[in-house]
Structures are given as C-alpha cells and as structure tokens.
Amino acid sequence: MSADEARLLRFFLMADARTFLAFALAGVKGGVAEDAEDARRLLAEARANAAVGLILITERLARQVRGEVDGLRREGRRPYVLEIPDLTGPLPPGPPFLERFGALLGVPH
C-alpha cells in the first residue's frame, strides 16, 4: 500500500444511536446497530469497503458479535478492529482502552 493510499483509509463506527451521533458530528462514518443482526450487517458493509482501515465498535456491540470481532482480529489485516467505550463508559472487566489501542498498533504494554 502506498503512503497516499494509507492516508485515505477511513474509520467506520458501529455504535448505539447516541454514541454514533457524537462521532458523526466529528465526521466519522458508519452506522447505528441496535442488535447483533444490525452489527453483523455493518461489519459486512465495513469489510466490503476497501477504504475502511479501522472499525470502531462499542464494547457492548462487540460482546453481541464476539465471534465475528475475534475472527477479524485473527485475520490480522485491514480493516482492523478497536473496541471503544460507548457514552455510558467502559465495561468491566477488560483491558483499559489505551492498552487495547497500543496492542492494535503493536506497542508492547
């Protein structure tokens, strides 16, 4: 992938309506998922879009489609997946957000 192509990679957000709105106001594209079926549809949409480099998915949604999220991670190629807290905050238990982000980037913790 060229440097120009890397600069064009996009985020794709999968979230509840309130969290999605907060990110959409900042220009992040994606969709609202209310259940596992919606989440699976959005995952397929994100994977089909070659410009998507990073899928942001709320922790609550990721729990509903854990198998698919873990499968994408095991593939180890774009689009990468990062679980983020929704507007109600992080879910316990689990590694802190910065630790997950660092792992995605290959930074040892």
N, C-alpha and C. Protein backbone atom coordinates (compact mmCIF):
# COMPACT_ATOMS: atom_id res chain seq x y z
N MET A 1 0.85 -1.18 0.00
CA MET A 1 0.00 0.00 0.00
C MET A 1 0.89 1.23 0.00
N SER A 2 0.56 2.18 -0.84
CA SER A 2 1.35 3.40 -0.92
C SER A 2 1.01 4.34 0.23
N ALA A 3 1.86 5.33 0.45
CA ALA A 3 1.60 6.32 1.51
C ALA A 3 0.31 7.09 1.23
N ASP A 4 0.05 7.38 -0.04
CA ASP A 4 -1.19 8.08 -0.40
C ASP A 4 -2.42 7.25 -0.06
N GLU A 5 -2.36 5.95 -0.34
CA GLU A 5 -3.47 5.07 -0.01
C GLU A 5 -3.68 5.00 1.50
N ALA A 6 -2.60 4.94 2.26
CA ALA A 6 -2.70 4.86 3.72
C ALA A 6 -3.37 6.10 4.29
N ARG A 7 -3.09 7.25 3.71
CA ARG A 7 -3.70 8.49 4.21
C ARG A 7 -5.20 8.52 3.94
N LEU A 8 -5.65 7.75 2.97
CA LEU A 8 -7.06 7.76 2.60
C LEU A 8 -7.90 6.74 3.37
N LEU A 9 -7.26 5.91 4.19
CA LEU A 9 -8.02 4.92 4.94
C LEU A 9 -8.97 5.62 5.91
N ARG A 10 -10.14 5.07 6.06
CA ARG A 10 -11.19 5.69 6.85
C ARG A 10 -11.54 4.87 8.08
N PHE A 11 -12.10 5.59 9.06
CA PHE A 11 -12.71 4.95 10.22
C PHE A 11 -14.13 4.58 9.85
N PHE A 12 -14.65 3.53 10.48
CA PHE A 12 -16.03 3.13 10.32
C PHE A 12 -16.53 2.80 11.72
N LEU A 13 -17.53 3.53 12.18
CA LEU A 13 -18.04 3.37 13.54
C LEU A 13 -19.30 2.53 13.55
N MET A 14 -19.36 1.61 14.50
CA MET A 14 -20.56 0.82 14.77
C MET A 14 -20.92 1.08 16.22
N ALA A 15 -22.10 1.68 16.44
CA ALA A 15 -22.44 2.09 17.80
C ALA A 15 -23.94 2.24 17.98
N ASP A 16 -24.33 2.45 19.24
CA ASP A 16 -25.71 2.81 19.55
C ASP A 16 -25.95 4.22 19.01
N ALA A 17 -27.20 4.64 18.98
CA ALA A 17 -27.57 5.91 18.35
C ALA A 17 -26.87 7.12 18.99
N ARG A 18 -26.82 7.17 20.31
CA ARG A 18 -26.20 8.34 20.98
C ARG A 18 -24.70 8.42 20.72
N THR A 19 -24.03 7.29 20.83
CA THR A 19 -22.58 7.28 20.60
C THR A 19 -22.28 7.58 19.14
N PHE A 20 -23.08 7.01 18.25
CA PHE A 20 -22.89 7.27 16.82
C PHE A 20 -23.03 8.76 16.51
N LEU A 21 -24.04 9.39 17.09
CA LEU A 21 -24.24 10.82 16.85
C LEU A 21 -23.02 11.63 17.28
N ALA A 22 -22.45 11.31 18.42
CA ALA A 22 -21.28 12.04 18.90
C ALA A 22 -20.12 11.95 17.91
N PHE A 23 -19.89 10.78 17.37
CA PHE A 23 -18.80 10.60 16.40
C PHE A 23 -19.17 11.19 15.04
N ALA A 24 -20.42 11.06 14.66
CA ALA A 24 -20.86 11.58 13.36
C ALA A 24 -20.68 13.10 13.30
N LEU A 25 -20.87 13.76 14.44
CA LEU A 25 -20.65 15.21 14.48
C LEU A 25 -19.20 15.56 14.19
N ALA A 26 -18.29 14.62 14.42
CA ALA A 26 -16.88 14.83 14.12
C ALA A 26 -16.52 14.31 12.72
N GLY A 27 -17.51 13.83 11.98
CA GLY A 27 -17.28 13.40 10.61
C GLY A 27 -16.99 11.93 10.42
N VAL A 28 -17.11 11.13 11.49
CA VAL A 28 -16.85 9.70 11.37
C VAL A 28 -18.07 9.01 10.76
N LYS A 29 -17.85 8.21 9.73
CA LYS A 29 -18.92 7.49 9.05
C LYS A 29 -19.15 6.14 9.72
N GLY A 30 -20.27 5.53 9.41
CA GLY A 30 -20.57 4.21 9.95
C GLY A 30 -22.05 4.01 10.03
N GLY A 31 -22.51 3.37 11.12
CA GLY A 31 -23.93 3.13 11.25
C GLY A 31 -24.33 2.78 12.67
N VAL A 32 -25.63 2.85 12.89
CA VAL A 32 -26.22 2.54 14.19
C VAL A 32 -26.61 1.07 14.20
N ALA A 33 -26.26 0.39 15.27
CA ALA A 33 -26.64 -1.02 15.45
C ALA A 33 -27.37 -1.14 16.78
N GLU A 34 -28.57 -1.66 16.71
CA GLU A 34 -29.37 -1.86 17.92
C GLU A 34 -29.30 -3.29 18.42
N ASP A 35 -28.84 -4.21 17.56
CA ASP A 35 -28.78 -5.61 17.96
C ASP A 35 -27.69 -6.32 17.15
N ALA A 36 -27.52 -7.61 17.42
CA ALA A 36 -26.47 -8.38 16.76
C ALA A 36 -26.66 -8.44 15.25
N GLU A 37 -27.90 -8.52 14.79
CA GLU A 37 -28.16 -8.57 13.35
C GLU A 37 -27.68 -7.29 12.67
N ASP A 38 -27.99 -6.14 13.27
CA ASP A 38 -27.50 -4.86 12.74
C ASP A 38 -25.98 -4.83 12.73
N ALA A 39 -25.37 -5.31 13.80
CA ALA A 39 -23.91 -5.29 13.91
C ALA A 39 -23.27 -6.15 12.84
N ARG A 40 -23.83 -7.32 12.58
CA ARG A 40 -23.29 -8.19 11.53
C ARG A 40 -23.41 -7.54 10.16
N ARG A 41 -24.53 -6.89 9.91
CA ARG A 41 -24.74 -6.19 8.63
C ARG A 41 -23.70 -5.08 8.46
N LEU A 42 -23.46 -4.31 9.53
CA LEU A 42 -22.49 -3.22 9.45
C LEU A 42 -21.06 -3.75 9.31
N LEU A 43 -20.73 -4.86 9.98
CA LEU A 43 -19.41 -5.45 9.80
C LEU A 43 -19.18 -5.84 8.35
N ALA A 44 -20.19 -6.44 7.74
CA ALA A 44 -20.07 -6.82 6.33
C ALA A 44 -19.91 -5.59 5.45
N GLU A 45 -20.65 -4.53 5.76
CA GLU A 45 -20.53 -3.29 4.99
C GLU A 45 -19.13 -2.70 5.10
N ALA A 46 -18.60 -2.67 6.31
CA ALA A 46 -17.26 -2.12 6.53
C ALA A 46 -16.20 -2.95 5.82
N ARG A 47 -16.32 -4.26 5.88
CA ARG A 47 -15.34 -5.14 5.24
C ARG A 47 -15.39 -5.02 3.73
N ALA A 48 -16.56 -4.72 3.19
CA ALA A 48 -16.71 -4.61 1.73
C ALA A 48 -16.15 -3.30 1.18
N ASN A 49 -15.91 -2.33 2.05
CA ASN A 49 -15.43 -1.02 1.64
C ASN A 49 -13.90 -1.00 1.78
N ALA A 50 -13.20 -1.00 0.65
CA ALA A 50 -11.73 -1.05 0.66
C ALA A 50 -11.10 0.16 1.33
N ALA A 51 -11.82 1.26 1.45
CA ALA A 51 -11.27 2.47 2.08
C ALA A 51 -11.28 2.39 3.60
N VAL A 52 -12.02 1.45 4.17
CA VAL A 52 -12.10 1.34 5.63
C VAL A 52 -10.84 0.66 6.15
N GLY A 53 -10.12 1.37 7.01
CA GLY A 53 -8.90 0.83 7.60
C GLY A 53 -9.07 0.43 9.05
N LEU A 54 -10.05 1.05 9.75
CA LEU A 54 -10.25 0.77 11.16
C LEU A 54 -11.74 0.79 11.48
N ILE A 55 -12.21 -0.30 12.03
CA ILE A 55 -13.59 -0.38 12.50
C ILE A 55 -13.58 -0.07 13.99
N LEU A 56 -14.30 0.96 14.37
CA LEU A 56 -14.51 1.27 15.78
C LEU A 56 -15.86 0.67 16.16
N ILE A 57 -15.89 -0.17 17.16
CA ILE A 57 -17.13 -0.80 17.60
C ILE A 57 -17.23 -0.66 19.11
N THR A 58 -18.40 -0.30 19.58
CA THR A 58 -18.56 -0.15 21.02
C THR A 58 -18.41 -1.52 21.68
N GLU A 59 -17.94 -1.50 22.91
CA GLU A 59 -17.74 -2.74 23.66
C GLU A 59 -19.04 -3.54 23.76
N ARG A 60 -20.14 -2.85 23.98
CA ARG A 60 -21.43 -3.54 24.13
C ARG A 60 -21.81 -4.27 22.84
N LEU A 61 -21.63 -3.64 21.70
CA LEU A 61 -21.92 -4.30 20.44
C LEU A 61 -20.95 -5.44 20.17
N ALA A 62 -19.68 -5.22 20.48
CA ALA A 62 -18.68 -6.26 20.25
C ALA A 62 -19.02 -7.52 21.04
N ARG A 63 -19.56 -7.37 22.23
CA ARG A 63 -19.94 -8.54 23.02
C ARG A 63 -21.05 -9.32 22.33
N GLN A 64 -21.90 -8.64 21.59
CA GLN A 64 -23.01 -9.31 20.91
C GLN A 64 -22.55 -10.11 19.69
N VAL A 65 -21.43 -9.70 19.11
CA VAL A 65 -20.90 -10.39 17.92
C VAL A 65 -19.44 -10.78 18.15
N ARG A 66 -19.16 -11.30 19.33
CA ARG A 66 -17.79 -11.61 19.75
C ARG A 66 -17.08 -12.50 18.73
N GLY A 67 -17.73 -13.53 18.23
CA GLY A 67 -17.08 -14.44 17.29
C GLY A 67 -16.59 -13.74 16.04
N GLU A 68 -17.42 -12.86 15.49
CA GLU A 68 -17.04 -12.13 14.28
C GLU A 68 -15.90 -11.15 14.54
N VAL A 69 -15.97 -10.45 15.67
CA VAL A 69 -14.92 -9.47 16.01
C VAL A 69 -13.59 -10.19 16.21
N ASP A 70 -13.61 -11.28 16.98
CA ASP A 70 -12.38 -12.03 17.21
C ASP A 70 -11.85 -12.64 15.92
N GLY A 71 -12.74 -13.06 15.02
CA GLY A 71 -12.32 -13.59 13.73
C GLY A 71 -11.59 -12.55 12.90
N LEU A 72 -12.10 -11.33 12.89
CA LEU A 72 -11.42 -10.25 12.16
C LEU A 72 -10.04 -10.00 12.75
N ARG A 73 -9.94 -10.01 14.06
CA ARG A 73 -8.64 -9.77 14.69
C ARG A 73 -7.65 -10.88 14.33
N ARG A 74 -8.12 -12.11 14.32
CA ARG A 74 -7.22 -13.23 14.00
C ARG A 74 -6.68 -13.13 12.58
N GLU A 75 -7.48 -12.55 11.67
CA GLU A 75 -7.02 -12.39 10.29
C GLU A 75 -5.79 -11.50 10.23
N GLY A 76 -5.71 -10.51 11.13
CA GLY A 76 -4.53 -9.65 11.21
C GLY A 76 -4.31 -8.74 10.03
N ARG A 77 -5.37 -8.40 9.33
CA ARG A 77 -5.24 -7.46 8.20
C ARG A 77 -6.41 -6.48 8.23
N ARG A 78 -6.35 -5.48 7.35
CA ARG A 78 -7.39 -4.47 7.31
C ARG A 78 -8.73 -5.09 6.94
N PRO A 79 -9.78 -4.51 7.44
CA PRO A 79 -9.81 -3.44 8.43
C PRO A 79 -9.54 -4.00 9.83
N TYR A 80 -8.79 -3.23 10.59
CA TYR A 80 -8.52 -3.58 11.98
C TYR A 80 -9.73 -3.20 12.81
N VAL A 81 -9.85 -3.81 13.98
CA VAL A 81 -11.00 -3.57 14.85
C VAL A 81 -10.52 -3.07 16.20
N LEU A 82 -11.15 -1.99 16.68
CA LEU A 82 -10.85 -1.45 18.00
C LEU A 82 -12.15 -1.27 18.75
N GLU A 83 -12.25 -1.93 19.90
CA GLU A 83 -13.43 -1.77 20.75
C GLU A 83 -13.26 -0.51 21.59
N ILE A 84 -14.33 0.29 21.61
CA ILE A 84 -14.30 1.54 22.36
C ILE A 84 -15.48 1.58 23.33
N PRO A 85 -15.35 2.34 24.41
CA PRO A 85 -16.50 2.51 25.30
C PRO A 85 -17.59 3.31 24.60
N ASP A 86 -18.83 3.07 24.98
CA ASP A 86 -19.90 3.94 24.48
C ASP A 86 -20.03 5.11 25.45
N LEU A 87 -21.05 5.92 25.28
CA LEU A 87 -21.19 7.12 26.10
C LEU A 87 -21.47 6.83 27.57
N THR A 88 -21.83 5.59 27.91
CA THR A 88 -22.07 5.25 29.32
C THR A 88 -20.79 4.85 30.03
N GLY A 89 -19.68 4.69 29.28
CA GLY A 89 -18.40 4.35 29.89
C GLY A 89 -17.95 2.94 29.57
N PRO A 90 -16.74 2.59 30.00
CA PRO A 90 -16.17 1.28 29.70
C PRO A 90 -16.87 0.16 30.47
N LEU A 91 -16.85 -1.02 29.89
CA LEU A 91 -17.42 -2.20 30.53
C LEU A 91 -16.33 -2.95 31.28
N PRO A 92 -16.60 -3.34 32.51
CA PRO A 92 -15.64 -4.20 33.20
C PRO A 92 -15.96 -5.66 32.88
N PRO A 93 -15.13 -6.61 33.03
CA PRO A 93 -13.69 -6.43 33.13
C PRO A 93 -13.11 -6.31 31.73
N GLY A 94 -11.92 -5.88 31.65
CA GLY A 94 -11.26 -5.77 30.37
C GLY A 94 -10.10 -4.83 30.45
N PRO A 95 -9.20 -4.94 29.49
CA PRO A 95 -8.05 -4.04 29.49
C PRO A 95 -8.49 -2.61 29.21
N PRO A 96 -7.78 -1.67 29.77
CA PRO A 96 -8.09 -0.26 29.51
C PRO A 96 -7.97 0.07 28.02
N PHE A 97 -8.68 1.09 27.62
CA PHE A 97 -8.72 1.50 26.21
C PHE A 97 -7.32 1.73 25.66
N LEU A 98 -6.47 2.45 26.38
CA LEU A 98 -5.14 2.75 25.85
C LEU A 98 -4.31 1.48 25.66
N GLU A 99 -4.51 0.49 26.50
CA GLU A 99 -3.82 -0.78 26.34
C GLU A 99 -4.30 -1.49 25.08
N ARG A 100 -5.61 -1.48 24.83
CA ARG A 100 -6.15 -2.10 23.61
C ARG A 100 -5.65 -1.36 22.38
N PHE A 101 -5.62 -0.03 22.45
CA PHE A 101 -5.16 0.77 21.31
C PHE A 101 -3.69 0.50 21.03
N GLY A 102 -2.89 0.42 22.08
CA GLY A 102 -1.47 0.12 21.92
C GLY A 102 -1.26 -1.25 21.31
N ALA A 103 -2.05 -2.23 21.73
CA ALA A 103 -1.92 -3.58 21.18
C ALA A 103 -2.26 -3.58 19.70
N LEU A 104 -3.26 -2.81 19.31
CA LEU A 104 -3.64 -2.70 17.90
C LEU A 104 -2.48 -2.15 17.08
N LEU A 105 -1.74 -1.20 17.66
CA LEU A 105 -0.61 -0.58 16.97
C LEU A 105 0.68 -1.39 17.09
N GLY A 106 0.64 -2.46 17.92
CA GLY A 106 1.82 -3.29 18.11
C GLY A 106 2.78 -2.75 19.13
N VAL A 107 2.28 -1.89 20.02
CA VAL A 107 3.12 -1.32 21.07
C VAL A 107 3.01 -2.23 22.30
N PRO A 108 4.15 -2.75 22.80
CA PRO A 108 4.09 -3.61 23.99
C PRO A 108 3.65 -2.82 25.22
N HIS A 109 2.95 -3.49 26.10
CA HIS A 109 2.49 -2.81 27.34
C HIS A 109 3.23 -3.30 28.55
